[in-house]
Structures are given as C-alpha cells and as structure tokens.
Amino acid sequence: MTINFKVSPNHQRAKVVTTILSITPLTRESFARFGEVIEKDGADHFPINQGTTERFHNLAHLDLNRVGGKPIISIFETQSRPMPIKLEVMERHPLGSQAFYPLQNHDWLIVVASDPNPLDPKNLKAFRATGLQGINYAPNIWHHPLLVLEADSRFLVVDRMGPGDNLEEREFESEVCLG
C-alpha cells in the first residue's frame, strides 16, 4: 500500500491511501470460487464435420434463465485504460452468469471480489488471462468491468436479457490500482 497526498481546492492536503493489487495468472483452480475459466487446455474435445473441425465441448455452464431471462450473444469492443489502471467500479449480476471470450490473442485482466464487501481491497483478487482464455462469472459475483491491455480489444459475450434487476454497481471511494 502506498500513501499519496492530493491538494484539495481550498489548498489543504488530504491523505489518499492507494492500494496496489498484485496480479496472478488465471487458472481454473484459482478462479473456481468466482466462476469458470473457458479454455481449450484440458477440455473435452472430438472431431466433427467429417474430421475437418475439432469441437472443444461444454466449456462453461451458463445460468441465464432465472426470472424469465434468456441467453443473448454480444460482441463488446473496448479500449485500454491509462496505466496504472485505476479501479473505479465493481458490478454484479444476481440473475445470471456472464461469459467473456477474447476474439484476439491479447492478454487481459480480471478483478473479482471474494466477499460481500466488493470495495475493500483485502477482498479483491486480480488475474491476468491470456488471449486464449475466457471466463464465465457465476451469478452474483462482484467483478470490475472489462480491463484490457491492448487498444481496440473485442470479446464475445454471452449473458442474460430479460425481466428483473440484473445489475448492481458500487463505486470505489479510495484509490485502488493494478500493479
């Protein structure tokens, strides 16, 4: 943790505590309590289409039908953020899972909270995914919106559309950055 000082408009120094999160590689085991890692490595697979295609089968278990919801597929185009990356908001989707898979081979970052207080830095965990790994957040898991390291990154997203309030957000009051 580092301590910075910011000068307020009335020229008084205000102490701002900045927490720097460490980033660990994404693995199925390390991410299991938050959802699933979507990747070919270790997945069931078999040939289809007269042997011209290899199908990597059943990579994630989607939970999208609560309260009359239905699955939708979208493409997200996102921009990188200035370094160091400052975390601004955590969100969760209580009525369904949400899956992200990169459409190019660029590493990207994931931040999740393991506790009901998603803004406490002690409860945050940061992962670095390869461009060959996606994730499927389990319903009700606090996470930061997409964090990419390359400009113009694109993701295939499978999530829920339908009735009910499926988005809760909380903004950080202290400064938390990825390092």
Protein backbone atom coordinates (compact mmCIF):
# COMPACT_ATOMS: atom_id res chain seq x y z
CA MET A 1 0.00 0.00 0.00
CA THR A 2 1.27 3.48 -0.83
CA ILE A 3 0.14 6.79 0.61
CA ASN A 4 -0.26 9.78 -1.69
CA PHE A 5 -1.28 13.32 -0.88
CA LYS A 6 -3.69 15.29 -3.02
CA VAL A 7 -4.27 19.00 -2.63
CA SER A 8 -7.93 19.94 -2.26
CA PRO A 9 -9.39 23.10 -3.89
CA ASN A 10 -9.02 25.03 -0.61
CA HIS A 11 -5.28 24.08 -0.60
CA GLN A 12 -5.44 21.66 2.31
CA ARG A 13 -3.56 18.42 1.95
CA ALA A 14 -5.79 15.37 2.11
CA LYS A 15 -4.25 11.95 2.63
CA VAL A 16 -5.26 9.49 -0.07
CA VAL A 17 -4.44 5.84 0.51
CA THR A 18 -3.70 3.95 -2.68
CA THR A 19 -3.81 0.19 -2.66
CA ILE A 20 -1.87 -1.63 -5.37
CA LEU A 21 -3.26 -5.08 -6.19
CA SER A 22 -0.93 -7.81 -7.35
CA ILE A 23 -1.97 -9.77 -10.44
CA THR A 24 -1.73 -13.56 -10.64
CA PRO A 25 -2.07 -15.82 -13.69
CA LEU A 26 -5.59 -17.09 -14.36
CA THR A 27 -6.09 -20.81 -13.74
CA ARG A 28 -9.19 -22.96 -13.34
CA GLU A 29 -8.27 -23.68 -9.74
CA SER A 30 -7.60 -20.07 -8.70
CA PHE A 31 -10.81 -18.77 -10.33
CA ALA A 32 -13.16 -21.62 -9.30
CA ARG A 33 -14.97 -19.76 -6.50
CA PHE A 34 -15.85 -16.92 -8.92
CA GLY A 35 -16.94 -18.98 -11.93
CA GLU A 36 -15.24 -20.91 -14.71
CA VAL A 37 -12.24 -20.43 -16.97
CA ILE A 38 -13.10 -21.04 -20.61
CA GLU A 39 -10.14 -22.57 -22.46
CA LYS A 40 -9.21 -25.47 -24.71
CA ASP A 41 -6.49 -26.84 -22.44
CA GLY A 42 -7.88 -29.85 -20.60
CA ALA A 43 -11.31 -29.60 -22.25
CA ASP A 44 -13.31 -32.48 -23.69
CA HIS A 45 -12.92 -32.45 -27.47
CA PHE A 46 -13.65 -34.55 -30.50
CA PRO A 47 -13.63 -34.26 -34.30
CA ILE A 48 -16.77 -33.21 -36.20
CA ASN A 49 -17.65 -32.14 -39.76
CA GLN A 50 -16.03 -35.14 -41.47
CA GLY A 51 -12.86 -34.62 -39.43
CA THR A 52 -12.22 -31.04 -40.57
CA THR A 53 -13.11 -29.46 -37.22
CA GLU A 54 -12.18 -30.14 -33.61
CA ARG A 55 -15.02 -29.36 -31.19
CA PHE A 56 -13.99 -28.29 -27.67
CA HIS A 57 -17.16 -29.21 -25.88
CA ASN A 58 -19.18 -27.89 -22.93
CA LEU A 59 -16.65 -25.26 -21.83
CA ALA A 60 -18.93 -23.40 -19.38
CA HIS A 61 -22.21 -23.88 -17.55
CA LEU A 62 -24.44 -20.90 -18.30
CA ASP A 63 -27.07 -19.81 -15.78
CA LEU A 64 -29.29 -17.38 -17.68
CA ASN A 65 -32.93 -18.45 -17.30
CA ARG A 66 -33.80 -17.07 -13.85
CA VAL A 67 -36.92 -14.87 -13.64
CA GLY A 68 -37.75 -15.39 -17.31
CA GLY A 69 -34.31 -14.46 -18.64
CA LYS A 70 -32.92 -15.71 -21.92
CA PRO A 71 -29.39 -16.05 -23.27
CA ILE A 72 -28.02 -13.45 -25.67
CA ILE A 73 -24.70 -13.21 -27.52
CA SER A 74 -23.00 -9.84 -27.99
CA ILE A 75 -19.64 -8.50 -29.14
CA PHE A 76 -18.01 -5.90 -26.89
CA GLU A 77 -15.37 -3.54 -28.33
CA THR A 78 -13.33 -1.99 -25.54
CA GLN A 79 -10.40 0.36 -25.08
CA SER A 80 -7.41 0.07 -22.78
CA ARG A 81 -7.20 2.36 -19.75
CA PRO A 82 -4.25 4.56 -18.75
CA MET A 83 -1.55 2.86 -16.66
CA PRO A 84 -1.53 2.28 -13.80
CA ILE A 85 -5.09 1.04 -14.15
CA LYS A 86 -7.30 2.67 -11.53
CA LEU A 87 -10.31 0.60 -10.47
CA GLU A 88 -13.46 2.67 -10.42
CA VAL A 89 -16.50 0.44 -10.00
CA MET A 90 -17.46 -3.12 -9.14
CA GLU A 91 -20.59 -4.75 -10.51
CA ARG A 92 -22.53 -7.97 -10.20
CA HIS A 93 -25.38 -9.71 -11.99
CA PRO A 94 -27.61 -11.53 -9.47
CA LEU A 95 -29.90 -13.14 -12.06
CA GLY A 96 -27.40 -14.76 -14.38
CA SER A 97 -23.89 -15.75 -15.31
CA GLN A 98 -21.83 -13.66 -17.73
CA ALA A 99 -19.21 -15.15 -20.07
CA PHE A 100 -16.40 -13.28 -21.87
CA TYR A 101 -14.11 -14.74 -24.52
CA PRO A 102 -11.49 -12.61 -26.34
CA LEU A 103 -11.65 -12.50 -30.13
CA GLN A 104 -7.92 -11.86 -30.48
CA ASN A 105 -4.86 -13.23 -28.74
CA HIS A 106 -4.20 -10.36 -26.29
CA ASP A 107 -3.75 -10.77 -22.55
CA TRP A 108 -6.39 -9.07 -20.40
CA LEU A 109 -7.15 -8.52 -16.71
CA ILE A 110 -9.91 -9.69 -14.37
CA VAL A 111 -10.71 -8.28 -10.92
CA VAL A 112 -13.20 -10.04 -8.64
CA ALA A 113 -14.26 -9.73 -5.00
CA SER A 114 -14.45 -12.76 -2.75
CA ASP A 115 -16.51 -11.13 -0.05
CA PRO A 116 -19.84 -9.30 0.15
CA ASN A 117 -17.89 -6.02 0.52
CA PRO A 118 -16.51 -5.64 -3.03
CA LEU A 119 -14.84 -2.29 -2.34
CA ASP A 120 -12.50 -3.47 0.41
CA PRO A 121 -9.07 -4.02 -1.20
CA LYS A 122 -8.48 -7.03 1.10
CA ASN A 123 -11.37 -8.79 -0.67
CA LEU A 124 -10.14 -8.17 -4.23
CA LYS A 125 -8.28 -10.67 -6.41
CA ALA A 126 -6.74 -9.76 -9.78
CA PHE A 127 -5.92 -12.23 -12.57
CA ARG A 128 -4.10 -11.97 -15.89
CA ALA A 129 -5.76 -14.05 -18.60
CA THR A 130 -4.14 -14.96 -21.88
CA GLY A 131 -5.87 -14.18 -25.15
CA LEU A 132 -6.76 -17.87 -25.31
CA GLN A 133 -8.71 -17.83 -22.03
CA GLY A 134 -12.21 -16.63 -21.35
CA ILE A 135 -14.20 -16.58 -18.14
CA ASN A 136 -17.76 -17.23 -17.05
CA TYR A 137 -18.68 -15.26 -13.93
CA ALA A 138 -21.11 -17.16 -11.73
CA PRO A 139 -24.31 -15.26 -10.84
CA ASN A 140 -23.89 -12.64 -8.10
CA ILE A 141 -20.06 -12.45 -8.32
CA TRP A 142 -18.67 -8.93 -7.88
CA HIS A 143 -16.29 -8.01 -10.71
CA HIS A 144 -14.79 -4.97 -12.40
CA PRO A 145 -15.93 -4.18 -15.95
CA LEU A 146 -13.60 -5.34 -18.75
CA LEU A 147 -9.94 -4.42 -18.32
CA VAL A 148 -7.87 -4.82 -21.47
CA LEU A 149 -4.19 -4.19 -22.11
CA GLU A 150 -4.43 -3.58 -25.86
CA ALA A 151 -6.46 -0.88 -27.62
CA ASP A 152 -9.49 -1.96 -29.65
CA SER A 153 -9.95 -5.32 -27.95
CA ARG A 154 -13.06 -7.35 -28.78
CA PHE A 155 -14.90 -10.01 -26.78
CA LEU A 156 -17.70 -12.42 -27.49
CA VAL A 157 -20.08 -12.09 -24.51
CA VAL A 158 -22.85 -14.48 -23.51
CA ASP A 159 -25.14 -13.13 -20.85
CA ARG A 160 -28.76 -12.67 -19.79
CA MET A 161 -31.52 -10.48 -21.15
CA GLY A 162 -34.96 -10.28 -19.59
CA PRO A 163 -37.06 -9.04 -16.71
CA GLY A 164 -35.70 -8.30 -13.27
CA ASP A 165 -32.90 -6.10 -11.95
CA ASN A 166 -29.72 -7.87 -13.06
CA LEU A 167 -27.11 -5.16 -12.42
CA GLU A 168 -25.79 -3.75 -9.16
CA GLU A 169 -22.85 -1.34 -9.11
CA ARG A 170 -20.69 0.19 -6.37
CA GLU A 171 -18.04 2.89 -6.87
CA PHE A 172 -14.66 2.89 -5.11
CA GLU A 173 -14.09 5.73 -2.64
CA SER A 174 -10.41 5.00 -2.06
CA GLU A 175 -7.85 4.61 -4.82
CA VAL A 176 -7.18 1.04 -5.90
CA CYS A 177 -4.80 0.36 -8.79
CA LEU A 178 -3.44 -2.70 -10.54
CA GLY A 179 0.30 -3.11 -10.38
